[in-house]
Amino acid sequence: MEWVRGLERGGMRRALVVKGTHRAARKAMCALAVLLAGGAAGCRQDMQDQPKFFPQRGTSFYPDGRSARPQVEGTVARGQGDADSYFLTGMIAGKEGDAMPFPATREVLERGQERYNIYCTPCHSRVGNGLGMIVLRGYYPAADFNTDRLREAPLGHFFNVMTHGYGAMPEYASQLSAQDRWAVAAYIRALQLSQSAKQADAPAGARAEPLADLEDREGFASGFIDAWRPANSVGQPAKAAEMMNQTPIPPGNAADVAAATARAQGPAAGGAPTAKAEAAPARPKGDPAAGQAVYEKNCQLCHQPTRMGIPPMIPSLVGVVKKLGPDKIRANVKNGVPTGKPPMPSFAAVLSEKDIDDLIAFLGSAK
């Protein structure tokens, strides 16, 4: 019995030892967790405890030891800029000024030409006559820089319009810096002078070349450049709205023009169509397949691969043989259409008679 009791007492002691060991391990784990949590909290950095420079204190971060850094070159701090200066407004005593705020050097004009060609030509065209591509496609008519009103306008007017917009024209202050807006204004003035320049206006050693000479040298049909002349140099000012509603009538004699007008208007009200109107056009004698190759090489750039054109500027050629007849199409290909907007050049030096026959056959096909 004593032996049994001794075993029981020994087992209890061993149980107490094991139990005490487990308690010490738990305490150690808790202490380690507290230490880890404290370490993690020390690595975190909230906004209220972020690194920063205190005013007028030095720092070892920068080589010069100053925490306050000098202003970045070319920048203006808020409240320091002269927002009312002529350079930024184009205004002097409440009126548009007519002077450049810096010299208009050749580099400035070249920069202005580059910016003008990017941002202004879609509406105003390369020569500033207000007949840009999107205007001819139906956008609001743009200003013609060659009118007397804009020839007499001060440079500050163009700068102000680019800054704030005008009518249907949006502002371009976000696309063009003030420096570039002045460069564009200078180029517009140079463009105005160039459209009516004389030899006496050119500097020594330079030559003022008339547009007619350029037209002849480049091989364009006579009258091709009329659409690019300043409006007030070829008669009445051009009206883009009227141009967009016009369908160019091919050049010809009075009978041809009358016939084309009659076809456009149709038979008179209450009257029967004439025998001539009912007569079908002569069957083309060329090869439509060869004519398609001729069309793709010479015509589709303007009239599109589908022959639909870009109305109202470039007419559709779908059904054109039935509308005008082969003879009229042949005349247009050979002579061009100088009255078109834009004018169509002559292809007489490019296409042979067989090429024209094939082209007419292709245009007359249903393909």
Protein backbone atom coordinates (compact mmCIF):
# COMPACT_ATOMS: atom_id res chain seq x y z
CA MET A 1 0.00 0.00 0.00
CA GLU A 2 2.83 2.37 0.85
CA TRP A 3 4.32 1.57 -2.53
CA VAL A 4 1.11 2.46 -4.29
CA ARG A 5 0.77 5.72 -2.41
CA GLY A 6 4.36 6.54 -3.31
CA LEU A 7 3.62 6.02 -6.96
CA GLU A 8 0.54 8.28 -6.72
CA ARG A 9 2.54 11.03 -5.05
CA GLY A 10 5.27 10.76 -7.70
CA GLY A 11 2.72 10.91 -10.54
CA MET A 12 1.13 14.02 -9.07
CA ARG A 13 4.53 15.72 -8.86
CA ARG A 14 5.22 14.89 -12.50
CA ALA A 15 1.78 16.20 -13.48
CA LEU A 16 2.43 19.42 -11.61
CA VAL A 17 5.77 19.85 -13.38
CA VAL A 18 4.24 19.35 -16.83
CA LYS A 19 1.41 21.73 -16.03
CA GLY A 20 3.85 24.42 -14.89
CA THR A 21 5.90 24.02 -18.08
CA HIS A 22 2.84 24.59 -20.28
CA ARG A 23 1.92 27.74 -18.34
CA ALA A 24 5.41 29.20 -18.83
CA ALA A 25 5.28 28.46 -22.57
CA ARG A 26 1.95 30.28 -22.91
CA LYS A 27 3.35 33.30 -21.12
CA ALA A 28 6.37 33.34 -23.41
CA MET A 29 4.16 33.16 -26.50
CA CYS A 30 2.01 36.04 -25.24
CA ALA A 31 5.10 38.14 -24.57
CA LEU A 32 6.41 37.38 -28.07
CA ALA A 33 3.07 38.37 -29.62
CA VAL A 34 3.11 41.66 -27.73
CA LEU A 35 6.65 42.35 -28.94
CA LEU A 36 5.72 41.56 -32.55
CA ALA A 37 2.64 43.81 -32.39
CA GLY A 38 4.74 46.63 -31.01
CA GLY A 39 7.30 46.15 -33.78
CA ALA A 40 4.60 46.22 -36.46
CA ALA A 41 3.11 49.38 -34.98
CA GLY A 42 6.52 50.99 -35.09
CA CYS A 43 6.81 50.29 -38.85
CA ARG A 44 3.48 51.97 -39.67
CA GLN A 45 3.49 55.66 -40.58
CA ASP A 46 0.25 57.64 -40.45
CA MET A 47 -0.26 61.09 -41.97
CA GLN A 48 0.05 62.75 -38.59
CA ASP A 49 3.50 61.25 -38.18
CA GLN A 50 5.10 61.65 -41.62
CA PRO A 51 8.59 62.90 -42.50
CA LYS A 52 8.60 66.59 -43.35
CA PHE A 53 10.77 69.66 -43.42
CA PHE A 54 10.12 72.37 -40.90
CA PRO A 55 10.40 75.96 -42.21
CA GLN A 56 13.83 77.56 -41.99
CA ARG A 57 15.46 74.35 -40.70
CA GLY A 58 18.40 72.68 -42.32
CA THR A 59 18.57 69.14 -43.64
CA SER A 60 21.19 66.62 -44.57
CA PHE A 61 19.04 65.29 -47.41
CA TYR A 62 20.20 67.90 -49.97
CA PRO A 63 23.85 68.70 -50.60
CA ASP A 64 23.38 72.42 -49.92
CA GLY A 65 21.80 71.68 -46.52
CA ARG A 66 18.67 73.76 -47.24
CA SER A 67 15.20 72.30 -46.76
CA ALA A 68 13.54 75.21 -48.64
CA ARG A 69 14.19 74.56 -52.33
CA PRO A 70 14.62 77.26 -55.01
CA GLN A 71 11.74 77.80 -57.47
CA VAL A 72 11.79 75.54 -60.52
CA GLU A 73 13.02 77.45 -63.57
CA GLY A 74 10.24 78.57 -65.92
CA THR A 75 7.44 78.28 -63.35
CA VAL A 76 5.34 81.01 -61.75
CA ALA A 77 4.03 80.68 -58.23
CA ARG A 78 0.38 81.38 -57.60
CA GLY A 79 -0.09 85.08 -57.09
CA GLN A 80 3.26 85.99 -58.67
CA GLY A 81 2.23 86.03 -62.37
CA ASP A 82 1.02 89.16 -64.12
CA ALA A 83 -2.29 87.84 -65.44
CA ASP A 84 -3.19 91.24 -66.89
CA SER A 85 -0.03 91.63 -68.96
CA TYR A 86 -0.20 92.23 -72.71
CA PHE A 87 1.59 88.93 -73.30
CA LEU A 88 -1.25 86.99 -71.63
CA THR A 89 -4.25 89.09 -72.74
CA GLY A 90 -3.39 90.88 -75.98
CA MET A 91 -5.10 93.94 -74.48
CA ILE A 92 -3.75 97.43 -73.83
CA ALA A 93 -5.95 99.74 -71.74
CA GLY A 94 -8.99 97.59 -72.54
CA LYS A 95 -8.35 97.50 -76.31
CA GLU A 96 -6.75 94.87 -78.54
CA GLY A 97 -3.14 95.80 -79.21
CA ASP A 98 -1.43 95.62 -82.58
CA ALA A 99 2.13 94.71 -81.65
CA MET A 100 4.07 91.55 -80.91
CA PRO A 101 5.21 91.20 -77.27
CA PHE A 102 8.48 89.71 -78.57
CA PRO A 103 10.36 89.94 -81.89
CA ALA A 104 8.71 88.12 -84.82
CA THR A 105 11.81 86.29 -86.00
CA ARG A 106 11.91 83.69 -88.75
CA GLU A 107 11.87 80.96 -86.09
CA VAL A 108 8.72 82.47 -84.56
CA LEU A 109 6.97 82.55 -87.97
CA GLU A 110 7.98 78.96 -88.71
CA ARG A 111 6.61 77.88 -85.34
CA GLY A 112 3.41 79.81 -86.04
CA GLN A 113 3.07 78.16 -89.44
CA GLU A 114 3.48 74.72 -87.89
CA ARG A 115 0.83 75.38 -85.21
CA TYR A 116 -1.48 77.04 -87.75
CA ASN A 117 -1.29 74.06 -90.10
CA ILE A 118 -2.16 71.72 -87.23
CA TYR A 119 -4.97 73.59 -85.49
CA CYS A 120 -6.34 76.19 -87.94
CA THR A 121 -6.31 74.73 -91.46
CA PRO A 122 -9.24 72.29 -90.92
CA CYS A 123 -11.54 75.34 -90.87
CA HIS A 124 -9.57 78.26 -92.33
CA SER A 125 -7.56 76.31 -94.99
CA ARG A 126 -3.84 76.66 -95.67
CA VAL A 127 -4.30 80.04 -97.34
CA GLY A 128 -6.75 81.40 -94.75
CA ASN A 129 -9.75 81.80 -97.04
CA GLY A 130 -12.15 80.07 -94.62
CA LEU A 131 -12.74 77.07 -96.90
CA GLY A 132 -11.13 74.32 -94.88
CA MET A 133 -12.04 70.68 -95.34
CA ILE A 134 -14.53 70.42 -92.49
CA VAL A 135 -16.25 73.63 -93.58
CA LEU A 136 -16.74 72.14 -97.05
CA ARG A 137 -18.17 69.06 -95.36
CA GLY A 138 -20.87 71.01 -93.53
CA TYR A 139 -19.29 72.69 -90.49
CA TYR A 140 -20.02 76.33 -89.72
CA PRO A 141 -18.38 78.74 -92.23
CA ALA A 142 -15.03 79.98 -90.94
CA ALA A 143 -13.63 83.50 -91.16
CA ASP A 144 -11.72 84.53 -94.29
CA PHE A 145 -8.52 86.24 -93.14
CA ASN A 146 -8.29 88.10 -96.47
CA THR A 147 -11.36 90.26 -95.92
CA ASP A 148 -10.83 93.96 -95.26
CA ARG A 149 -12.17 93.60 -91.72
CA LEU A 150 -9.57 91.01 -90.69
CA ARG A 151 -6.77 92.61 -92.67
CA GLU A 152 -7.28 95.70 -90.52
CA ALA A 153 -7.76 93.73 -87.28
CA PRO A 154 -4.92 94.15 -84.74
CA LEU A 155 -2.74 91.21 -83.79
CA GLY A 156 -4.28 91.20 -80.33
CA HIS A 157 -7.63 90.32 -81.91
CA PHE A 158 -6.33 86.99 -83.25
CA PHE A 159 -4.62 86.26 -79.93
CA ASN A 160 -7.83 87.05 -78.04
CA VAL A 161 -9.98 84.86 -80.32
CA MET A 162 -7.60 81.93 -79.93
CA THR A 163 -7.67 82.42 -76.15
CA HIS A 164 -11.43 82.73 -75.64
CA GLY A 165 -13.03 81.43 -78.84
CA TYR A 166 -15.42 83.30 -81.11
CA GLY A 167 -18.85 82.22 -82.35
CA ALA A 168 -18.67 78.55 -83.37
CA MET A 169 -14.89 78.52 -82.91
CA PRO A 170 -13.81 76.98 -79.58
CA GLU A 171 -10.98 78.36 -77.47
CA TYR A 172 -7.49 77.00 -78.06
CA ALA A 173 -5.79 78.18 -74.87
CA SER A 174 -5.45 74.57 -73.70
CA GLN A 175 -3.84 73.45 -76.98
CA LEU A 176 -1.67 76.51 -77.66
CA SER A 177 0.53 78.25 -75.11
CA ALA A 178 0.54 82.04 -75.03
CA GLN A 179 3.86 82.01 -76.88
CA ASP A 180 2.39 79.80 -79.63
CA ARG A 181 -0.78 81.90 -79.91
CA TRP A 182 1.33 84.96 -80.61
CA ALA A 183 3.37 82.97 -83.13
CA VAL A 184 0.17 81.92 -84.93
CA ALA A 185 -1.08 85.53 -84.92
CA ALA A 186 2.20 86.65 -86.51
CA TYR A 187 1.91 83.92 -89.15
CA ILE A 188 -1.68 84.93 -89.96
CA ARG A 189 -0.49 88.47 -90.59
CA ALA A 190 2.31 87.15 -92.83
CA LEU A 191 -0.24 84.95 -94.62
CA GLN A 192 -2.46 87.96 -95.26
CA LEU A 193 0.46 89.89 -96.72
CA SER A 194 1.50 86.97 -98.92
CA GLN A 195 -1.91 86.64 -100.60
CA SER A 196 -1.59 90.06 -102.22
CA ALA A 197 2.19 90.49 -102.21
CA LYS A 198 3.99 92.36 -104.98
CA GLN A 199 7.60 92.17 -106.03
CA ALA A 200 8.22 95.49 -104.29
CA ASP A 201 7.12 93.90 -100.99
CA ALA A 202 9.69 91.11 -101.22
CA PRO A 203 13.10 91.59 -99.61
CA ALA A 204 16.19 91.91 -101.76
CA GLY A 205 17.03 88.66 -103.49
CA ALA A 206 13.55 87.17 -103.05
CA ARG A 207 10.91 86.80 -105.75
CA ALA A 208 7.15 87.15 -105.35
CA GLU A 209 5.74 84.48 -107.67
CA PRO A 210 2.17 84.93 -108.93
CA LEU A 211 -0.15 81.97 -108.37
CA ALA A 212 -0.87 81.83 -112.09
CA ASP A 213 2.82 81.09 -112.75
CA LEU A 214 2.78 78.35 -110.14
CA GLU A 215 -0.37 76.90 -111.72
CA ASP A 216 1.28 76.78 -115.13
CA ARG A 217 4.59 75.39 -113.87
CA GLU A 218 2.91 72.58 -111.90
CA GLY A 219 0.75 71.60 -114.87
CA PHE A 220 -2.66 72.35 -113.36
CA ALA A 221 -5.63 73.13 -115.57
CA SER A 222 -6.26 76.81 -116.27
CA GLY A 223 -8.24 78.35 -113.41
CA PHE A 224 -7.35 75.58 -110.94
CA ILE A 225 -6.01 78.01 -108.35
CA ASP A 226 -9.01 80.35 -108.48
CA ALA A 227 -10.56 78.57 -105.51
CA TRP A 228 -7.43 79.34 -103.46
CA ARG A 229 -7.19 83.01 -104.31
CA PRO A 230 -8.28 85.56 -101.71
CA ALA A 231 -12.02 86.07 -102.08
CA ASN A 232 -11.74 89.80 -102.75
CA SER A 233 -9.26 89.27 -105.59
CA VAL A 234 -11.58 87.23 -107.81
CA GLY A 235 -14.80 89.17 -107.47
CA GLN A 236 -17.42 88.71 -104.76
CA PRO A 237 -16.38 87.02 -101.50
CA ALA A 238 -16.82 83.26 -101.54
CA LYS A 239 -19.68 81.93 -99.42
CA ALA A 240 -19.03 78.49 -98.02
CA ALA A 241 -22.72 77.92 -97.30
CA GLU A 242 -23.55 78.44 -100.98
CA MET A 243 -20.69 76.21 -102.05
CA MET A 244 -21.94 73.37 -99.85
CA ASN A 245 -25.34 73.49 -101.55
CA GLN A 246 -23.99 73.68 -105.10
CA THR A 247 -23.65 70.76 -107.46
CA PRO A 248 -20.90 71.67 -109.94
CA ILE A 249 -22.13 71.83 -113.55
CA PRO A 250 -19.49 70.67 -116.01
CA PRO A 251 -18.22 73.38 -118.36
CA GLY A 252 -19.72 73.45 -121.85
CA ASN A 253 -21.82 75.53 -124.21
CA ALA A 254 -25.22 77.00 -123.39
CA ALA A 255 -27.09 73.96 -124.74
CA ASP A 256 -25.07 71.61 -122.50
CA VAL A 257 -25.72 73.73 -119.42
CA ALA A 258 -29.43 73.92 -120.25
CA ALA A 259 -29.58 70.14 -120.72
CA ALA A 260 -27.82 69.54 -117.41
CA THR A 261 -30.21 71.93 -115.68
CA ALA A 262 -33.20 70.21 -117.23
CA ARG A 263 -31.95 66.81 -116.09
CA ALA A 264 -31.54 68.13 -112.55
CA GLN A 265 -35.03 69.67 -112.48
CA GLY A 266 -36.84 66.79 -114.19
CA PRO A 267 -39.86 67.12 -116.52
CA ALA A 268 -42.08 70.18 -116.17
CA ALA A 269 -45.08 69.84 -113.92
CA GLY A 270 -48.02 68.32 -115.75
CA GLY A 271 -45.94 67.71 -118.88
CA ALA A 272 -44.77 64.51 -120.45
CA PRO A 273 -41.07 63.70 -120.54
CA THR A 274 -39.37 64.43 -123.83
CA ALA A 275 -38.20 61.71 -126.17
CA LYS A 276 -34.60 62.79 -125.57
CA ALA A 277 -34.99 62.39 -121.83
CA GLU A 278 -36.43 58.90 -122.29
CA ALA A 279 -33.66 57.79 -124.64
CA ALA A 280 -31.13 55.48 -123.01
CA PRO A 281 -27.46 56.50 -123.19
CA ALA A 282 -25.26 54.83 -125.76
CA ARG A 283 -23.83 51.56 -124.59
CA PRO A 284 -20.19 51.96 -123.47
CA LYS A 285 -17.73 50.29 -125.82
CA GLY A 286 -14.83 49.77 -123.41
CA ASP A 287 -13.80 46.98 -121.07
CA PRO A 288 -15.30 47.40 -117.55
CA ALA A 289 -12.58 45.26 -115.93
CA ALA A 290 -9.81 47.40 -117.43
CA GLY A 291 -11.81 50.51 -116.57
CA GLN A 292 -11.91 49.45 -112.92
CA ALA A 293 -8.11 49.40 -112.85
CA VAL A 294 -8.06 52.88 -114.43
CA TYR A 295 -10.56 54.12 -111.82
CA GLU A 296 -8.61 52.67 -108.89
CA LYS A 297 -5.39 54.29 -110.06
CA ASN A 298 -6.72 57.74 -110.98
CA CYS A 299 -10.17 58.37 -109.52
CA GLN A 300 -10.86 56.57 -106.26
CA LEU A 301 -8.60 58.83 -104.19
CA CYS A 302 -11.26 61.56 -104.46
CA HIS A 303 -14.41 59.68 -105.45
CA GLN A 304 -13.84 56.78 -103.03
CA PRO A 305 -13.60 53.05 -103.87
CA THR A 306 -17.41 52.87 -103.72
CA ARG A 307 -17.79 55.72 -106.29
CA MET A 308 -19.94 57.54 -103.71
CA GLY A 309 -17.63 60.61 -103.56
CA ILE A 310 -17.74 63.03 -100.64
CA PRO A 311 -20.91 65.11 -101.24
CA PRO A 312 -21.41 67.99 -101.54
CA MET A 313 -17.76 68.73 -102.32
CA ILE A 314 -16.90 65.70 -104.48
CA PRO A 315 -19.93 64.33 -106.36
CA SER A 316 -20.95 60.69 -106.46
CA LEU A 317 -20.25 58.81 -109.71
CA VAL A 318 -22.93 56.18 -109.15
CA GLY A 319 -25.19 56.33 -112.22
CA VAL A 320 -23.19 59.20 -113.70
CA VAL A 321 -23.15 57.69 -117.21
CA LYS A 322 -26.93 57.59 -117.27
CA LYS A 323 -27.16 61.14 -115.90
CA LEU A 324 -24.60 62.89 -118.10
CA GLY A 325 -23.90 60.50 -120.95
CA PRO A 326 -20.56 59.12 -122.18
CA ASP A 327 -19.69 62.19 -124.26
CA LYS A 328 -19.96 64.57 -121.31
CA ILE A 329 -17.89 62.29 -119.09
CA ARG A 330 -15.23 62.04 -121.81
CA ALA A 331 -15.11 65.85 -122.04
CA ASN A 332 -14.78 66.19 -118.26
CA VAL A 333 -11.93 63.68 -118.12
CA LYS A 334 -10.06 65.40 -120.92
CA ASN A 335 -10.72 69.05 -119.97
CA GLY A 336 -11.18 68.79 -116.22
CA VAL A 337 -13.85 70.67 -114.27
CA PRO A 338 -12.19 73.97 -113.28
CA THR A 339 -15.48 75.33 -111.89
CA GLY A 340 -15.80 72.48 -109.38
CA LYS A 341 -15.20 73.04 -105.68
CA PRO A 342 -12.50 71.79 -105.54
CA PRO A 343 -11.64 71.91 -109.25
CA MET A 344 -11.04 68.65 -111.10
CA PRO A 345 -7.80 68.66 -113.14
CA SER A 346 -7.50 67.42 -116.71
CA PHE A 347 -6.43 63.81 -117.27
CA ALA A 348 -5.74 64.21 -121.01
CA ALA A 349 -2.01 63.73 -120.50
CA VAL A 350 -2.51 60.69 -118.29
CA LEU A 351 -5.27 58.62 -119.91
CA SER A 352 -5.47 57.41 -123.51
CA GLU A 353 -8.70 57.21 -125.50
CA LYS A 354 -8.92 53.50 -124.72
CA ASP A 355 -8.40 54.20 -121.00
CA ILE A 356 -11.27 56.69 -121.09
CA ASP A 357 -13.49 54.18 -122.96
CA ASP A 358 -12.72 51.54 -120.36
CA LEU A 359 -13.38 53.99 -117.52
CA ILE A 360 -16.76 54.97 -118.97
CA ALA A 361 -17.63 51.28 -119.37
CA PHE A 362 -16.76 50.68 -115.70
CA LEU A 363 -18.77 53.69 -114.52
CA GLY A 364 -21.72 52.50 -116.61
CA SER A 365 -21.62 48.98 -115.21
CA ALA A 366 -23.71 47.90 -112.27
CA LYS A 367 -20.64 46.42 -110.61
